[in-house]
Amino acid sequence: MKLKLKPLTTGEFAKICNVKKHTLFHYDDIGLLKPDYYDEMDIDFILIVSLIYFISMMKELGMSLDEIKFYLNSRTPEQMEELFTSKINQISNEIKRLKENKRILKSRIDKIQYA
């Protein structure tokens, strides 16, 4: 006997991906992510989950949904490498800036304690 599983609801899929279902609806509305359905037994399921993770990561790094959509629709390996290299450089610069801020704050604490 073959077990037939029904596709996941948008809400169930959203929970798996740790996003709100309205986020999935929005991605669908703007053409960023347009799956026909969410089926755990479908190979596309893994690709969709990976894509949502990628979108979330790029949003966290400050990219707009329009920029993400552009890269997803016209990406080449060279463009993706350039994008990732650029993001790594931005992160490195942010780390330097935060370390400098930390050093300044520690210095001010030392001056306060000395006074």
PDB file of N, CA and C in Angstrom:
ATOM      1  N   MET A   1       0.838  -1.176   0.000  1.00  0.00           N
ATOM      2  CA  MET A   1       0.000   0.000   0.000  1.00  0.00           C
ATOM      3  C   MET A   1       0.891   1.251   0.000  1.00  0.00           C
ATOM      4  N   LYS A   2       0.648   2.141  -0.924  1.00  0.00           N
ATOM      5  CA  LYS A   2       1.424   3.373  -1.045  1.00  0.00           C
ATOM      6  C   LYS A   2       0.760   4.478  -0.235  1.00  0.00           C
ATOM      7  N   LEU A   3       1.549   5.129   0.587  1.00  0.00           N
ATOM      8  CA  LEU A   3       1.040   6.216   1.426  1.00  0.00           C
ATOM      9  C   LEU A   3       1.095   7.519   0.639  1.00  0.00           C
ATOM     10  N   LYS A   4      -0.013   8.188   0.523  1.00  0.00           N
ATOM     11  CA  LYS A   4      -0.101   9.462  -0.199  1.00  0.00           C
ATOM     12  C   LYS A   4      -0.200  10.576   0.831  1.00  0.00           C
ATOM     13  N   LEU A   5       0.811  11.441   0.867  1.00  0.00           N
ATOM     14  CA  LEU A   5       0.810  12.571   1.781  1.00  0.00           C
ATOM     15  C   LEU A   5       0.258  13.789   1.063  1.00  0.00           C
ATOM     16  N   LYS A   6      -0.512  14.570   1.787  1.00  0.00           N
ATOM     17  CA  LYS A   6      -1.033  15.794   1.183  1.00  0.00           C
ATOM     18  C   LYS A   6       0.016  16.890   1.277  1.00  0.00           C
ATOM     19  N   PRO A   7       0.001  17.819   0.326  1.00  0.00           N
ATOM     20  CA  PRO A   7       0.956  18.935   0.393  1.00  0.00           C
ATOM     21  C   PRO A   7       0.758  19.737   1.676  1.00  0.00           C
ATOM     22  N   LEU A   8       1.817  20.385   2.086  1.00  0.00           N
ATOM     23  CA  LEU A   8       1.767  21.232   3.282  1.00  0.00           C
ATOM     24  C   LEU A   8       0.972  22.498   2.991  1.00  0.00           C
ATOM     25  N   THR A   9       0.339  23.010   4.024  1.00  0.00           N
ATOM     26  CA  THR A   9      -0.287  24.326   3.895  1.00  0.00           C
ATOM     27  C   THR A   9       0.822  25.379   3.926  1.00  0.00           C
ATOM     28  N   THR A  10       0.494  26.569   3.517  1.00  0.00           N
ATOM     29  CA  THR A  10       1.472  27.660   3.560  1.00  0.00           C
ATOM     30  C   THR A  10       1.932  27.899   4.992  1.00  0.00           C
ATOM     31  N   GLY A  11       0.999  27.826   5.941  1.00  0.00           N
ATOM     32  CA  GLY A  11       1.349  28.019   7.347  1.00  0.00           C
ATOM     33  C   GLY A  11       2.300  26.949   7.853  1.00  0.00           C
ATOM     34  N   GLU A  12       2.056  25.694   7.488  1.00  0.00           N
ATOM     35  CA  GLU A  12       2.939  24.606   7.907  1.00  0.00           C
ATOM     36  C   GLU A  12       4.339  24.791   7.322  1.00  0.00           C
ATOM     37  N   PHE A  13       4.378  25.158   6.052  1.00  0.00           N
ATOM     38  CA  PHE A  13       5.667  25.373   5.399  1.00  0.00           C
ATOM     39  C   PHE A  13       6.399  26.565   6.027  1.00  0.00           C
ATOM     40  N   ALA A  14       5.666  27.621   6.347  1.00  0.00           N
ATOM     41  CA  ALA A  14       6.261  28.797   6.975  1.00  0.00           C
ATOM     42  C   ALA A  14       6.917  28.415   8.302  1.00  0.00           C
ATOM     43  N   LYS A  15       6.255  27.567   9.083  1.00  0.00           N
ATOM     44  CA  LYS A  15       6.832  27.131  10.366  1.00  0.00           C
ATOM     45  C   LYS A  15       8.132  26.373  10.142  1.00  0.00           C
ATOM     46  N   ILE A  16       8.159  25.511   9.134  1.00  0.00           N
ATOM     47  CA  ILE A  16       9.377  24.748   8.834  1.00  0.00           C
ATOM     48  C   ILE A  16      10.526  25.695   8.506  1.00  0.00           C
ATOM     49  N   CYS A  17      10.221  26.758   7.777  1.00  0.00           N
ATOM     50  CA  CYS A  17      11.241  27.715   7.326  1.00  0.00           C
ATOM     51  C   CYS A  17      11.491  28.841   8.317  1.00  0.00           C
ATOM     52  N   ASN A  18      10.737  28.842   9.404  1.00  0.00           N
ATOM     53  CA  ASN A  18      10.871  29.872  10.439  1.00  0.00           C
ATOM     54  C   ASN A  18      10.614  31.280   9.891  1.00  0.00           C
ATOM     55  N   VAL A  19       9.575  31.381   9.060  1.00  0.00           N
ATOM     56  CA  VAL A  19       9.122  32.679   8.551  1.00  0.00           C
ATOM     57  C   VAL A  19       7.612  32.749   8.751  1.00  0.00           C
ATOM     58  N   LYS A  20       7.068  33.940   8.604  1.00  0.00           N
ATOM     59  CA  LYS A  20       5.623  34.101   8.705  1.00  0.00           C
ATOM     60  C   LYS A  20       4.989  33.730   7.370  1.00  0.00           C
ATOM     61  N   LYS A  21       3.776  33.185   7.433  1.00  0.00           N
ATOM     62  CA  LYS A  21       3.148  32.802   6.176  1.00  0.00           C
ATOM     63  C   LYS A  21       2.863  34.021   5.311  1.00  0.00           C
ATOM     64  N   HIS A  22       2.666  35.171   5.923  1.00  0.00           N
ATOM     65  CA  HIS A  22       2.460  36.398   5.146  1.00  0.00           C
ATOM     66  C   HIS A  22       3.726  36.753   4.356  1.00  0.00           C
ATOM     67  N   THR A  23       4.888  36.374   4.894  1.00  0.00           N
ATOM     68  CA  THR A  23       6.137  36.578   4.169  1.00  0.00           C
ATOM     69  C   THR A  23       6.123  35.761   2.885  1.00  0.00           C
ATOM     70  N   LEU A  24       5.669  34.514   2.985  1.00  0.00           N
ATOM     71  CA  LEU A  24       5.591  33.664   1.796  1.00  0.00           C
ATOM     72  C   LEU A  24       4.606  34.227   0.780  1.00  0.00           C
ATOM     73  N   PHE A  25       3.468  34.736   1.272  1.00  0.00           N
ATOM     74  CA  PHE A  25       2.491  35.357   0.370  1.00  0.00           C
ATOM     75  C   PHE A  25       3.109  36.575  -0.320  1.00  0.00           C
ATOM     76  N   HIS A  26       3.858  37.375   0.448  1.00  0.00           N
ATOM     77  CA  HIS A  26       4.488  38.568  -0.117  1.00  0.00           C
ATOM     78  C   HIS A  26       5.515  38.173  -1.187  1.00  0.00           C
ATOM     79  N   TYR A  27       6.352  37.177  -0.887  1.00  0.00           N
ATOM     80  CA  TYR A  27       7.338  36.708  -1.866  1.00  0.00           C
ATOM     81  C   TYR A  27       6.638  36.249  -3.143  1.00  0.00           C
ATOM     82  N   ASP A  28       5.502  35.593  -2.979  1.00  0.00           N
ATOM     83  CA  ASP A  28       4.731  35.143  -4.137  1.00  0.00           C
ATOM     84  C   ASP A  28       4.194  36.354  -4.914  1.00  0.00           C
ATOM     85  N   ASP A  29       3.657  37.338  -4.196  1.00  0.00           N
ATOM     86  CA  ASP A  29       3.082  38.532  -4.834  1.00  0.00           C
ATOM     87  C   ASP A  29       4.106  39.299  -5.669  1.00  0.00           C
ATOM     88  N   ILE A  30       5.347  39.389  -5.167  1.00  0.00           N
ATOM     89  CA  ILE A  30       6.357  40.159  -5.892  1.00  0.00           C
ATOM     90  C   ILE A  30       7.160  39.299  -6.870  1.00  0.00           C
ATOM     91  N   GLY A  31       6.813  38.022  -6.960  1.00  0.00           N
ATOM     92  CA  GLY A  31       7.476  37.140  -7.917  1.00  0.00           C
ATOM     93  C   GLY A  31       8.832  36.649  -7.485  1.00  0.00           C
ATOM     94  N   LEU A  32       9.126  36.742  -6.209  1.00  0.00           N
ATOM     95  CA  LEU A  32      10.414  36.292  -5.697  1.00  0.00           C
ATOM     96  C   LEU A  32      10.438  34.776  -5.516  1.00  0.00           C
ATOM     97  N   LEU A  33       9.341  34.227  -5.071  1.00  0.00           N
ATOM     98  CA  LEU A  33       9.226  32.794  -4.814  1.00  0.00           C
ATOM     99  C   LEU A  33       7.797  32.383  -5.131  1.00  0.00           C
ATOM    100  N   LYS A  34       7.620  31.541  -6.153  1.00  0.00           N
ATOM    101  CA  LYS A  34       6.273  31.203  -6.596  1.00  0.00           C
ATOM    102  C   LYS A  34       6.102  29.679  -6.732  1.00  0.00           C
ATOM    103  N   PRO A  35       6.162  28.961  -5.634  1.00  0.00           N
ATOM    104  CA  PRO A  35       5.939  27.511  -5.754  1.00  0.00           C
ATOM    105  C   PRO A  35       4.457  27.220  -5.976  1.00  0.00           C
ATOM    106  N   ASP A  36       4.182  26.133  -6.694  1.00  0.00           N
ATOM    107  CA  ASP A  36       2.795  25.728  -6.909  1.00  0.00           C
ATOM    108  C   ASP A  36       2.191  25.179  -5.618  1.00  0.00           C
ATOM    109  N   TYR A  37       3.029  24.475  -4.851  1.00  0.00           N
ATOM    110  CA  TYR A  37       2.596  23.889  -3.586  1.00  0.00           C
ATOM    111  C   TYR A  37       3.840  23.531  -2.791  1.00  0.00           C
ATOM    112  N   TYR A  38       3.651  23.190  -1.524  1.00  0.00           N
ATOM    113  CA  TYR A  38       4.757  22.798  -0.661  1.00  0.00           C
ATOM    114  C   TYR A  38       4.574  21.326  -0.295  1.00  0.00           C
ATOM    115  N   ASP A  39       5.383  20.470  -0.893  1.00  0.00           N
ATOM    116  CA  ASP A  39       5.263  19.033  -0.674  1.00  0.00           C
ATOM    117  C   ASP A  39       6.611  18.497  -0.194  1.00  0.00           C
ATOM    118  N   GLU A  40       6.631  17.962   1.020  1.00  0.00           N
ATOM    119  CA  GLU A  40       7.878  17.471   1.607  1.00  0.00           C
ATOM    120  C   GLU A  40       8.504  16.340   0.799  1.00  0.00           C
ATOM    121  N   MET A  41       7.713  15.652  -0.005  1.00  0.00           N
ATOM    122  CA  MET A  41       8.222  14.533  -0.787  1.00  0.00           C
ATOM    123  C   MET A  41       8.749  14.987  -2.147  1.00  0.00           C
ATOM    124  N   ASP A  42       8.647  16.250  -2.445  1.00  0.00           N
ATOM    125  CA  ASP A  42       9.059  16.802  -3.732  1.00  0.00           C
ATOM    126  C   ASP A  42      10.487  17.328  -3.606  1.00  0.00           C
ATOM    127  N   ILE A  43      11.331  17.031  -4.602  1.00  0.00           N
ATOM    128  CA  ILE A  43      12.714  17.503  -4.564  1.00  0.00           C
ATOM    129  C   ILE A  43      12.773  19.023  -4.547  1.00  0.00           C
ATOM    130  N   ASP A  44      11.790  19.684  -5.139  1.00  0.00           N
ATOM    131  CA  ASP A  44      11.749  21.143  -5.128  1.00  0.00           C
ATOM    132  C   ASP A  44      11.604  21.691  -3.716  1.00  0.00           C
ATOM    133  N   PHE A  45      11.064  20.886  -2.810  1.00  0.00           N
ATOM    134  CA  PHE A  45      10.883  21.305  -1.416  1.00  0.00           C
ATOM    135  C   PHE A  45      12.218  21.743  -0.826  1.00  0.00           C
ATOM    136  N   ILE A  46      13.247  20.943  -1.035  1.00  0.00           N
ATOM    137  CA  ILE A  46      14.578  21.248  -0.499  1.00  0.00           C
ATOM    138  C   ILE A  46      15.116  22.518  -1.139  1.00  0.00           C
ATOM    139  N   LEU A  47      14.897  22.667  -2.429  1.00  0.00           N
ATOM    140  CA  LEU A  47      15.357  23.872  -3.121  1.00  0.00           C
ATOM    141  C   LEU A  47      14.632  25.111  -2.614  1.00  0.00           C
ATOM    142  N   ILE A  48      13.339  24.993  -2.367  1.00  0.00           N
ATOM    143  CA  ILE A  48      12.558  26.131  -1.875  1.00  0.00           C
ATOM    144  C   ILE A  48      13.019  26.520  -0.480  1.00  0.00           C
ATOM    145  N   VAL A  49      13.233  25.523   0.394  1.00  0.00           N
ATOM    146  CA  VAL A  49      13.718  25.813   1.750  1.00  0.00           C
ATOM    147  C   VAL A  49      15.078  26.505   1.674  1.00  0.00           C
ATOM    148  N   SER A  50      15.961  26.017   0.809  1.00  0.00           N
ATOM    149  CA  SER A  50      17.282  26.632   0.634  1.00  0.00           C
ATOM    150  C   SER A  50      17.159  28.068   0.126  1.00  0.00           C
ATOM    151  N   LEU A  51      16.224  28.278  -0.783  1.00  0.00           N
ATOM    152  CA  LEU A  51      16.010  29.605  -1.336  1.00  0.00           C
ATOM    153  C   LEU A  51      15.500  30.571  -0.263  1.00  0.00           C
ATOM    154  N   ILE A  52      14.594  30.107   0.569  1.00  0.00           N
ATOM    155  CA  ILE A  52      14.084  30.959   1.655  1.00  0.00           C
ATOM    156  C   ILE A  52      15.201  31.287   2.634  1.00  0.00           C
ATOM    157  N   TYR A  53      16.054  30.318   2.922  1.00  0.00           N
ATOM    158  CA  TYR A  53      17.200  30.580   3.794  1.00  0.00           C
ATOM    159  C   TYR A  53      18.102  31.639   3.159  1.00  0.00           C
ATOM    160  N   PHE A  54      18.370  31.509   1.858  1.00  0.00           N
ATOM    161  CA  PHE A  54      19.204  32.470   1.146  1.00  0.00           C
ATOM    162  C   PHE A  54      18.593  33.872   1.210  1.00  0.00           C
ATOM    163  N   ILE A  55      17.292  33.962   0.952  1.00  0.00           N
ATOM    164  CA  ILE A  55      16.597  35.253   0.995  1.00  0.00           C
ATOM    165  C   ILE A  55      16.718  35.866   2.388  1.00  0.00           C
ATOM    166  N   SER A  56      16.490  35.063   3.410  1.00  0.00           N
ATOM    167  CA  SER A  56      16.586  35.562   4.795  1.00  0.00           C
ATOM    168  C   SER A  56      17.986  36.061   5.114  1.00  0.00           C
ATOM    169  N   MET A  57      18.986  35.302   4.668  1.00  0.00           N
ATOM    170  CA  MET A  57      20.371  35.689   4.932  1.00  0.00           C
ATOM    171  C   MET A  57      20.706  37.003   4.218  1.00  0.00           C
ATOM    172  N   MET A  58      20.296  37.137   2.980  1.00  0.00           N
ATOM    173  CA  MET A  58      20.589  38.357   2.230  1.00  0.00           C
ATOM    174  C   MET A  58      19.844  39.566   2.816  1.00  0.00           C
ATOM    175  N   LYS A  59      18.621  39.348   3.275  1.00  0.00           N
ATOM    176  CA  LYS A  59      17.887  40.437   3.938  1.00  0.00           C
ATOM    177  C   LYS A  59      18.622  40.868   5.194  1.00  0.00           C
ATOM    178  N   GLU A  60      19.114  39.905   5.947  1.00  0.00           N
ATOM    179  CA  GLU A  60      19.843  40.214   7.176  1.00  0.00           C
ATOM    180  C   GLU A  60      21.119  40.996   6.874  1.00  0.00           C
ATOM    181  N   LEU A  61      21.677  40.784   5.693  1.00  0.00           N
ATOM    182  CA  LEU A  61      22.889  41.496   5.295  1.00  0.00           C
ATOM    183  C   LEU A  61      22.587  42.838   4.634  1.00  0.00           C
ATOM    184  N   GLY A  62      21.297  43.214   4.642  1.00  0.00           N
ATOM    185  CA  GLY A  62      20.931  44.545   4.178  1.00  0.00           C
ATOM    186  C   GLY A  62      20.461  44.654   2.741  1.00  0.00           C
ATOM    187  N   MET A  63      20.281  43.553   2.057  1.00  0.00           N
ATOM    188  CA  MET A  63      19.806  43.624   0.672  1.00  0.00           C
ATOM    189  C   MET A  63      18.292  43.793   0.645  1.00  0.00           C
ATOM    190  N   SER A  64      17.823  44.585  -0.300  1.00  0.00           N
ATOM    191  CA  SER A  64      16.378  44.735  -0.480  1.00  0.00           C
ATOM    192  C   SER A  64      15.846  43.517  -1.240  1.00  0.00           C
ATOM    193  N   LEU A  65      14.542  43.319  -1.160  1.00  0.00           N
ATOM    194  CA  LEU A  65      13.936  42.201  -1.890  1.00  0.00           C
ATOM    195  C   LEU A  65      14.108  42.376  -3.396  1.00  0.00           C
ATOM    196  N   ASP A  66      14.094  43.616  -3.876  1.00  0.00           N
ATOM    197  CA  ASP A  66      14.319  43.858  -5.304  1.00  0.00           C
ATOM    198  C   ASP A  66      15.725  43.421  -5.721  1.00  0.00           C
ATOM    199  N   GLU A  67      16.717  43.747  -4.884  1.00  0.00           N
ATOM    200  CA  GLU A  67      18.089  43.320  -5.183  1.00  0.00           C
ATOM    201  C   GLU A  67      18.206  41.799  -5.164  1.00  0.00           C
ATOM    202  N   ILE A  68      17.584  41.175  -4.179  1.00  0.00           N
ATOM    203  CA  ILE A  68      17.624  39.711  -4.078  1.00  0.00           C
ATOM    204  C   ILE A  68      16.967  39.093  -5.307  1.00  0.00           C
ATOM    205  N   LYS A  69      15.830  39.633  -5.691  1.00  0.00           N
ATOM    206  CA  LYS A  69      15.116  39.118  -6.869  1.00  0.00           C
ATOM    207  C   LYS A  69      15.988  39.251  -8.119  1.00  0.00           C
ATOM    208  N   PHE A  70      16.664  40.397  -8.268  1.00  0.00           N
ATOM    209  CA  PHE A  70      17.541  40.598  -9.418  1.00  0.00           C
ATOM    210  C   PHE A  70      18.613  39.516  -9.464  1.00  0.00           C
ATOM    211  N   TYR A  71      19.287  39.294  -8.328  1.00  0.00           N
ATOM    212  CA  TYR A  71      20.351  38.289  -8.296  1.00  0.00           C
ATOM    213  C   TYR A  71      19.813  36.891  -8.565  1.00  0.00           C
ATOM    214  N   LEU A  72      18.643  36.582  -8.050  1.00  0.00           N
ATOM    215  CA  LEU A  72      18.083  35.252  -8.267  1.00  0.00           C
ATOM    216  C   LEU A  72      17.665  35.041  -9.724  1.00  0.00           C
ATOM    217  N   ASN A  73      17.199  36.091 -10.368  1.00  0.00           N
ATOM    218  CA  ASN A  73      16.709  35.961 -11.742  1.00  0.00           C
ATOM    219  C   ASN A  73      17.808  36.050 -12.790  1.00  0.00           C
ATOM    220  N   SER A  74      18.923  36.690 -12.462  1.00  0.00           N
ATOM    221  CA  SER A  74      19.962  36.881 -13.474  1.00  0.00           C
ATOM    222  C   SER A  74      21.338  36.461 -12.980  1.00  0.00           C
ATOM    223  N   ARG A  75      21.358  35.593 -12.025  1.00  0.00           N
ATOM    224  CA  ARG A  75      22.632  35.245 -11.397  1.00  0.00           C
ATOM    225  C   ARG A  75      23.491  34.347 -12.299  1.00  0.00           C
ATOM    226  N   THR A  76      24.766  34.557 -12.144  1.00  0.00           N
ATOM    227  CA  THR A  76      25.768  33.667 -12.715  1.00  0.00           C
ATOM    228  C   THR A  76      26.694  33.307 -11.561  1.00  0.00           C
ATOM    229  N   PRO A  77      27.465  32.264 -11.702  1.00  0.00           N
ATOM    230  CA  PRO A  77      28.410  31.951 -10.611  1.00  0.00           C
ATOM    231  C   PRO A  77      29.335  33.128 -10.302  1.00  0.00           C
ATOM    232  N   GLU A  78      29.757  33.842 -11.340  1.00  0.00           N
ATOM    233  CA  GLU A  78      30.650  34.989 -11.124  1.00  0.00           C
ATOM    234  C   GLU A  78      29.941  36.096 -10.348  1.00  0.00           C
ATOM    235  N   GLN A  79      28.674  36.365 -10.684  1.00  0.00           N
ATOM    236  CA  GLN A  79      27.920  37.402  -9.967  1.00  0.00           C
ATOM    237  C   GLN A  79      27.710  37.015  -8.512  1.00  0.00           C
ATOM    238  N   MET A  80      27.406  35.756  -8.270  1.00  0.00           N
ATOM    239  CA  MET A  80      27.189  35.311  -6.892  1.00  0.00           C
ATOM    240  C   MET A  80      28.484  35.395  -6.096  1.00  0.00           C
ATOM    241  N   GLU A  81      29.590  35.018  -6.719  1.00  0.00           N
ATOM    242  CA  GLU A  81      30.881  35.126  -6.035  1.00  0.00           C
ATOM    243  C   GLU A  81      31.186  36.584  -5.714  1.00  0.00           C
ATOM    244  N   GLU A  82      30.928  37.468  -6.666  1.00  0.00           N
ATOM    245  CA  GLU A  82      31.153  38.901  -6.445  1.00  0.00           C
ATOM    246  C   GLU A  82      30.256  39.425  -5.321  1.00  0.00           C
ATOM    247  N   LEU A  83      28.988  39.011  -5.316  1.00  0.00           N
ATOM    248  CA  LEU A  83      28.059  39.422  -4.265  1.00  0.00           C
ATOM    249  C   LEU A  83      28.547  38.955  -2.902  1.00  0.00           C
ATOM    250  N   PHE A  84      28.911  37.676  -2.802  1.00  0.00           N
ATOM    251  CA  PHE A  84      29.351  37.134  -1.524  1.00  0.00           C
ATOM    252  C   PHE A  84      30.648  37.792  -1.059  1.00  0.00           C
ATOM    253  N   THR A  85      31.570  38.056  -1.980  1.00  0.00           N
ATOM    254  CA  THR A  85      32.814  38.732  -1.631  1.00  0.00           C
ATOM    255  C   THR A  85      32.522  40.131  -1.108  1.00  0.00           C
ATOM    256  N   SER A  86      31.614  40.819  -1.775  1.00  0.00           N
ATOM    257  CA  SER A  86      31.215  42.166  -1.343  1.00  0.00           C
ATOM    258  C   SER A  86      30.611  42.125   0.059  1.00  0.00           C
ATOM    259  N   LYS A  87      29.738  41.156   0.315  1.00  0.00           N
ATOM    260  CA  LYS A  87      29.112  41.037   1.630  1.00  0.00           C
ATOM    261  C   LYS A  87      30.146  40.699   2.708  1.00  0.00           C
ATOM    262  N   ILE A  88      31.115  39.842   2.370  1.00  0.00           N
ATOM    263  CA  ILE A  88      32.182  39.507   3.318  1.00  0.00           C
ATOM    264  C   ILE A  88      32.965  40.767   3.672  1.00  0.00           C
ATOM    265  N   ASN A  89      33.269  41.582   2.662  1.00  0.00           N
ATOM    266  CA  ASN A  89      33.992  42.836   2.915  1.00  0.00           C
ATOM    267  C   ASN A  89      33.166  43.779   3.790  1.00  0.00           C
ATOM    268  N   GLN A  90      31.867  43.868   3.535  1.00  0.00           N
ATOM    269  CA  GLN A  90      30.999  44.710   4.365  1.00  0.00           C
ATOM    270  C   GLN A  90      30.985  44.219   5.809  1.00  0.00           C
ATOM    271  N   ILE A  91      30.895  42.917   5.989  1.00  0.00           N
ATOM    272  CA  ILE A  91      30.885  42.334   7.339  1.00  0.00           C
ATOM    273  C   ILE A  91      32.214  42.631   8.039  1.00  0.00           C
ATOM    274  N   SER A  92      33.320  42.461   7.315  1.00  0.00           N
ATOM    275  CA  SER A  92      34.642  42.738   7.900  1.00  0.00           C
ATOM    276  C   SER A  92      34.751  44.186   8.338  1.00  0.00           C
ATOM    277  N   ASN A  93      34.262  45.102   7.500  1.00  0.00           N
ATOM    278  CA  ASN A  93      34.290  46.521   7.860  1.00  0.00           C
ATOM    279  C   ASN A  93      33.404  46.806   9.073  1.00  0.00           C
ATOM    280  N   GLU A  94      32.254  46.165   9.133  1.00  0.00           N
ATOM    281  CA  GLU A  94      31.350  46.343  10.279  1.00  0.00           C
ATOM    282  C   GLU A  94      31.997  45.809  11.559  1.00  0.00           C
ATOM    283  N   ILE A  95      32.678  44.685  11.464  1.00  0.00           N
ATOM    284  CA  ILE A  95      33.370  44.117  12.630  1.00  0.00           C
ATOM    285  C   ILE A  95      34.447  45.091  13.114  1.00  0.00           C
ATOM    286  N   LYS A  96      35.220  45.664  12.177  1.00  0.00           N
ATOM    287  CA  LYS A  96      36.248  46.648  12.556  1.00  0.00           C
ATOM    288  C   LYS A  96      35.614  47.842  13.252  1.00  0.00           C
ATOM    289  N   ARG A  97      34.502  48.329  12.687  1.00  0.00           N
ATOM    290  CA  ARG A  97      33.821  49.483  13.270  1.00  0.00           C
ATOM    291  C   ARG A  97      33.318  49.167  14.676  1.00  0.00           C
ATOM    292  N   LEU A  98      32.738  48.004  14.854  1.00  0.00           N
ATOM    293  CA  LEU A  98      32.228  47.608  16.166  1.00  0.00           C
ATOM    294  C   LEU A  98      33.365  47.420  17.173  1.00  0.00           C
ATOM    295  N   LYS A  99      34.462  46.851  16.734  1.00  0.00           N
ATOM    296  CA  LYS A  99      35.618  46.696  17.630  1.00  0.00           C
ATOM    297  C   LYS A  99      36.152  48.052  18.063  1.00  0.00           C
ATOM    298  N   GLU A 100      36.186  49.008  17.142  1.00  0.00           N
ATOM    299  CA  GLU A 100      36.653  50.351  17.487  1.00  0.00           C
ATOM    300  C   GLU A 100      35.691  51.000  18.486  1.00  0.00           C
ATOM    301  N   ASN A 101      34.387  50.847  18.259  1.00  0.00           N
ATOM    302  CA  ASN A 101      33.398  51.373  19.211  1.00  0.00           C
ATOM    303  C   ASN A 101      33.569  50.733  20.585  1.00  0.00           C
ATOM    304  N   LYS A 102      33.821  49.451  20.605  1.00  0.00           N
ATOM    305  CA  LYS A 102      34.037  48.746  21.870  1.00  0.00           C
ATOM    306  C   LYS A 102      35.275  49.284  22.580  1.00  0.00           C
ATOM    307  N   ARG A 103      36.349  49.498  21.818  1.00  0.00           N
ATOM    308  CA  ARG A 103      37.584  50.034  22.401  1.00  0.00           C
ATOM    309  C   ARG A 103      37.339  51.420  22.995  1.00  0.00           C
ATOM    310  N   ILE A 104      36.603  52.264  22.266  1.00  0.00           N
ATOM    311  CA  ILE A 104      36.302  53.621  22.744  1.00  0.00           C
ATOM    312  C   ILE A 104      35.478  53.559  24.029  1.00  0.00           C
ATOM    313  N   LEU A 105      34.468  52.704  24.064  1.00  0.00           N
ATOM    314  CA  LEU A 105      33.623  52.584  25.267  1.00  0.00           C
ATOM    315  C   LEU A 105      34.422  52.083  26.462  1.00  0.00           C
ATOM    316  N   LYS A 106      35.294  51.105  26.240  1.00  0.00           N
ATOM    317  CA  LYS A 106      36.129  50.608  27.333  1.00  0.00           C
ATOM    318  C   LYS A 106      37.055  51.706  27.847  1.00  0.00           C
ATOM    319  N   SER A 107      37.592  52.493  26.913  1.00  0.00           N
ATOM    320  CA  SER A 107      38.463  53.600  27.299  1.00  0.00           C
ATOM    321  C   SER A 107      37.699  54.618  28.156  1.00  0.00           C
ATOM    322  N   ARG A 108      36.478  54.901  27.798  1.00  0.00           N
ATOM    323  CA  ARG A 108      35.660  55.851  28.572  1.00  0.00           C
ATOM    324  C   ARG A 108      35.317  55.291  29.946  1.00  0.00           C
ATOM    325  N   ILE A 109      35.057  53.989  30.002  1.00  0.00           N
ATOM    326  CA  ILE A 109      34.800  53.346  31.300  1.00  0.00           C
ATOM    327  C   ILE A 109      36.045  53.480  32.183  1.00  0.00           C
ATOM    328  N   ASP A 110      37.210  53.243  31.595  1.00  0.00           N
ATOM    329  CA  ASP A 110      38.463  53.366  32.352  1.00  0.00           C
ATOM    330  C   ASP A 110      38.637  54.796  32.885  1.00  0.00           C
ATOM    331  N   LYS A 111      38.312  55.800  32.072  1.00  0.00           N
ATOM    332  CA  LYS A 111      38.434  57.199  32.506  1.00  0.00           C
ATOM    333  C   LYS A 111      37.439  57.507  33.618  1.00  0.00           C
ATOM    334  N   ILE A 112      36.229  56.969  33.500  1.00  0.00           N
ATOM    335  CA  ILE A 112      35.208  57.182  34.538  1.00  0.00           C
ATOM    336  C   ILE A 112      35.683  56.560  35.844  1.00  0.00           C
ATOM    337  N   GLN A 113      36.187  55.357  35.780  1.00  0.00           N
ATOM    338  CA  GLN A 113      36.649  54.665  36.982  1.00  0.00           C
ATOM    339  C   GLN A 113      37.862  55.356  37.585  1.00  0.00           C
ATOM    340  N   TYR A 114      38.727  55.926  36.767  1.00  0.00           N
ATOM    341  CA  TYR A 114      39.894  56.636  37.260  1.00  0.00           C
ATOM    342  C   TYR A 114      39.500  57.911  37.981  1.00  0.00           C
ATOM    343  N   ALA A 115      38.475  58.563  37.431  1.00  0.00           N
ATOM    344  CA  ALA A 115      38.008  59.819  38.025  1.00  0.00           C
ATOM    345  C   ALA A 115      37.349  59.500  39.337  1.00  0.00           C
TER     346      ALA A 115
END
